[in-house]
Structure formats: C-alpha cells, structure tokens
C-alpha cells in the first residue's frame, strides 16, 4: 500500500497513476484520535470536580439587591 497521493508506476501503458487515498484508514485514525481527545477531556473534568469537592470552599452568598 502506498501513501495517499503517491504515484503508482505499475500500469499497462507505463504511465504512473495517482493512487487514491485510503479514506477508511484516514477515517479510523481521525475517529480514534477524537475518541482519545473526548476521553482526555472527561478525565480532566472529573479530576477538576474532585479537586473542587476536596477543597470544600465556603458557600456562595448572594448580596442583597440595593434599591436606589
């Protein structure tokens, strides 16, 4: 198998033919990378949430609205 866009010299008339890209392989590589990225973001979010819960910050208090 040749890389996408490479010339394949094996033709009947001796001229090279541009090889078609392997779209399935490209799609699978992209899909695996996007799955890995989503997993990485979910893990980072979970770690951040755990750090926030462990820090036990004081409760948020809303200031009363001042009337003018």
N, C-alpha and C. Protein backbone atom coordinates (compact mmCIF):
# COMPACT_ATOMS: atom_id res chain seq x y z
N UNK A 1 0.86 -1.18 0.00
CA UNK A 1 0.00 0.00 0.00
C UNK A 1 0.90 1.23 0.00
N UNK A 2 0.55 2.19 -0.82
CA UNK A 2 1.32 3.43 -0.92
C UNK A 2 0.62 4.53 -0.15
N UNK A 3 1.39 5.50 0.33
CA UNK A 3 0.78 6.65 0.99
C UNK A 3 -0.13 7.41 0.03
N UNK A 4 -1.12 8.10 0.58
CA UNK A 4 -2.07 8.85 -0.23
C UNK A 4 -1.34 9.86 -1.11
N UNK A 5 -1.76 9.94 -2.37
CA UNK A 5 -1.21 10.93 -3.28
C UNK A 5 0.08 10.51 -3.96
N UNK A 6 0.55 9.30 -3.73
CA UNK A 6 1.78 8.82 -4.36
C UNK A 6 1.47 8.26 -5.75
N UNK A 7 2.45 8.30 -6.63
CA UNK A 7 2.26 7.79 -7.99
C UNK A 7 2.53 6.30 -8.02
N UNK A 8 1.63 5.57 -8.64
CA UNK A 8 1.78 4.13 -8.79
C UNK A 8 2.29 3.86 -10.20
N UNK A 9 3.56 3.44 -10.37
CA UNK A 9 4.13 3.28 -11.70
C UNK A 9 3.67 2.00 -12.42
N UNK A 10 2.95 1.12 -11.75
CA UNK A 10 2.59 -0.17 -12.35
C UNK A 10 1.26 -0.07 -13.11
N UNK A 11 1.33 0.38 -14.35
CA UNK A 11 0.15 0.42 -15.21
C UNK A 11 0.51 -0.21 -16.54
N UNK A 12 -0.50 -0.57 -17.33
CA UNK A 12 -0.25 -1.24 -18.61
C UNK A 12 0.49 -0.37 -19.60
N UNK A 13 0.17 0.92 -19.62
CA UNK A 13 0.80 1.79 -20.61
C UNK A 13 2.11 2.41 -20.11
N UNK A 14 2.54 2.08 -18.91
CA UNK A 14 3.81 2.56 -18.40
C UNK A 14 3.74 3.92 -17.73
N UNK A 15 2.61 4.61 -17.86
CA UNK A 15 2.49 5.91 -17.19
C UNK A 15 2.05 5.69 -15.75
N UNK A 16 2.47 6.56 -14.88
CA UNK A 16 2.07 6.48 -13.47
C UNK A 16 0.65 6.97 -13.29
N UNK A 17 -0.01 6.43 -12.30
CA UNK A 17 -1.38 6.81 -11.97
C UNK A 17 -1.39 7.26 -10.51
N UNK A 18 -2.08 8.36 -10.24
CA UNK A 18 -2.17 8.86 -8.88
C UNK A 18 -2.98 7.88 -8.04
N UNK A 19 -2.40 7.42 -6.93
CA UNK A 19 -3.07 6.47 -6.05
C UNK A 19 -4.13 7.20 -5.23
N UNK A 20 -5.29 6.58 -5.06
CA UNK A 20 -6.37 7.17 -4.26
C UNK A 20 -6.02 7.05 -2.78
N UNK A 21 -6.37 8.06 -2.00
CA UNK A 21 -6.11 7.99 -0.56
C UNK A 21 -6.94 6.87 0.07
N UNK A 22 -6.43 6.31 1.14
CA UNK A 22 -7.15 5.27 1.87
C UNK A 22 -8.07 5.96 2.87
N UNK A 23 -9.28 6.28 2.40
CA UNK A 23 -10.22 7.05 3.22
C UNK A 23 -10.64 6.30 4.48
N UNK A 24 -10.76 4.99 4.40
CA UNK A 24 -11.15 4.22 5.57
C UNK A 24 -10.09 4.34 6.66
N UNK A 25 -8.82 4.20 6.30
CA UNK A 25 -7.74 4.31 7.28
C UNK A 25 -7.69 5.72 7.86
N UNK A 26 -7.88 6.72 6.99
CA UNK A 26 -7.87 8.11 7.47
C UNK A 26 -9.03 8.35 8.44
N UNK A 27 -10.21 7.82 8.11
CA UNK A 27 -11.37 7.99 8.98
C UNK A 27 -11.14 7.31 10.32
N UNK A 28 -10.62 6.09 10.30
CA UNK A 28 -10.40 5.36 11.54
C UNK A 28 -9.37 6.06 12.42
N UNK A 29 -8.33 6.62 11.80
CA UNK A 29 -7.33 7.36 12.57
C UNK A 29 -7.95 8.59 13.21
N UNK A 30 -8.76 9.32 12.46
CA UNK A 30 -9.43 10.50 12.98
C UNK A 30 -10.41 10.13 14.09
N UNK A 31 -11.15 9.05 13.90
CA UNK A 31 -12.13 8.61 14.90
C UNK A 31 -11.43 8.23 16.20
N UNK A 32 -10.33 7.48 16.10
CA UNK A 32 -9.59 7.09 17.31
C UNK A 32 -9.04 8.32 18.03
N UNK A 33 -8.52 9.28 17.28
CA UNK A 33 -7.98 10.50 17.89
C UNK A 33 -9.08 11.31 18.57
N UNK A 34 -10.26 11.40 17.96
CA UNK A 34 -11.35 12.17 18.57
C UNK A 34 -11.87 11.46 19.82
N UNK A 35 -11.92 10.14 19.81
CA UNK A 35 -12.32 9.39 20.99
C UNK A 35 -11.31 9.60 22.12
N UNK A 36 -10.03 9.59 21.79
CA UNK A 36 -8.99 9.80 22.79
C UNK A 36 -9.10 11.21 23.37
N UNK A 37 -9.35 12.20 22.53
CA UNK A 37 -9.49 13.58 22.99
C UNK A 37 -10.69 13.74 23.92
N UNK A 38 -11.82 13.13 23.56
CA UNK A 38 -13.01 13.20 24.40
C UNK A 38 -12.76 12.55 25.76
N UNK A 39 -12.10 11.40 25.74
CA UNK A 39 -11.78 10.70 26.98
C UNK A 39 -10.85 11.54 27.86
N UNK A 40 -9.86 12.17 27.24
CA UNK A 40 -8.93 13.02 27.98
C UNK A 40 -9.65 14.20 28.63
N UNK A 41 -10.57 14.83 27.91
CA UNK A 41 -11.33 15.95 28.46
C UNK A 41 -12.24 15.51 29.60
N UNK A 42 -12.87 14.35 29.47
CA UNK A 42 -13.74 13.84 30.53
C UNK A 42 -12.94 13.54 31.79
N UNK A 43 -11.76 12.95 31.62
CA UNK A 43 -10.92 12.65 32.78
C UNK A 43 -10.45 13.93 33.46
N UNK A 44 -10.09 14.94 32.67
CA UNK A 44 -9.65 16.22 33.23
C UNK A 44 -10.80 16.89 33.98
N UNK A 45 -12.00 16.83 33.44
CA UNK A 45 -13.16 17.41 34.11
C UNK A 45 -13.43 16.70 35.43
N UNK A 46 -13.36 15.37 35.42
CA UNK A 46 -13.59 14.61 36.65
C UNK A 46 -12.55 14.95 37.71
N UNK A 47 -11.27 15.08 37.30
CA UNK A 47 -10.23 15.45 38.27
C UNK A 47 -10.48 16.85 38.83
N UNK A 48 -10.87 17.78 37.98
CA UNK A 48 -11.15 19.15 38.45
C UNK A 48 -12.32 19.16 39.42
N UNK A 49 -13.36 18.38 39.13
CA UNK A 49 -14.51 18.32 40.03
C UNK A 49 -14.11 17.72 41.38
N UNK A 50 -13.27 16.68 41.35
CA UNK A 50 -12.82 16.07 42.60
C UNK A 50 -11.98 17.05 43.42
N UNK A 51 -11.14 17.83 42.76
CA UNK A 51 -10.33 18.83 43.46
C UNK A 51 -11.22 19.90 44.09
N UNK A 52 -12.26 20.30 43.36
CA UNK A 52 -13.18 21.31 43.88
C UNK A 52 -13.92 20.77 45.10
N UNK A 53 -14.38 19.55 45.03
CA UNK A 53 -15.09 18.96 46.16
C UNK A 53 -14.17 18.76 47.36
N UNK A 54 -12.92 18.40 47.10
CA UNK A 54 -11.96 18.18 48.19
C UNK A 54 -11.57 19.50 48.86
N UNK A 55 -11.59 20.59 48.11
CA UNK A 55 -11.20 21.89 48.66
C UNK A 55 -12.23 22.42 49.65
N UNK A 56 -13.47 22.01 49.51
CA UNK A 56 -14.57 22.42 50.38
C UNK A 56 -14.63 23.95 50.54
N UNK A 57 -14.87 24.66 49.44
CA UNK A 57 -14.93 26.13 49.52
C UNK A 57 -16.16 26.59 50.31
N UNK A 58 -16.12 27.81 50.82
CA UNK A 58 -17.28 28.30 51.56
C UNK A 58 -18.47 28.47 50.60
N UNK A 59 -19.67 28.38 51.14
CA UNK A 59 -20.85 28.51 50.26
C UNK A 59 -20.93 29.91 49.65
N UNK A 60 -21.51 29.98 48.50
CA UNK A 60 -21.67 31.25 47.81
C UNK A 60 -22.86 31.99 48.43
N UNK A 61 -22.62 33.25 48.77
CA UNK A 61 -23.70 34.06 49.32
C UNK A 61 -24.04 35.15 48.32
N UNK A 62 -25.32 35.33 48.08
CA UNK A 62 -25.78 36.37 47.18
C UNK A 62 -26.00 37.65 47.97
N UNK A 63 -25.47 38.73 47.47
CA UNK A 63 -25.67 40.03 48.12
C UNK A 63 -27.08 40.50 47.83
N UNK A 64 -27.64 41.15 48.79
CA UNK A 64 -28.99 41.68 48.58
C UNK A 64 -28.93 42.84 47.60
N UNK A 65 -29.98 42.94 46.82
CA UNK A 65 -30.05 43.99 45.80
C UNK A 65 -30.31 45.33 46.48
N UNK A 66 -29.48 46.31 46.16
CA UNK A 66 -29.65 47.65 46.73
C UNK A 66 -30.70 48.40 45.92
N UNK A 67 -31.63 48.98 46.62
CA UNK A 67 -32.65 49.76 45.93
C UNK A 67 -32.21 51.21 45.89
N UNK A 68 -32.40 51.86 44.76
CA UNK A 68 -31.98 53.25 44.66
C UNK A 68 -33.14 54.20 44.68
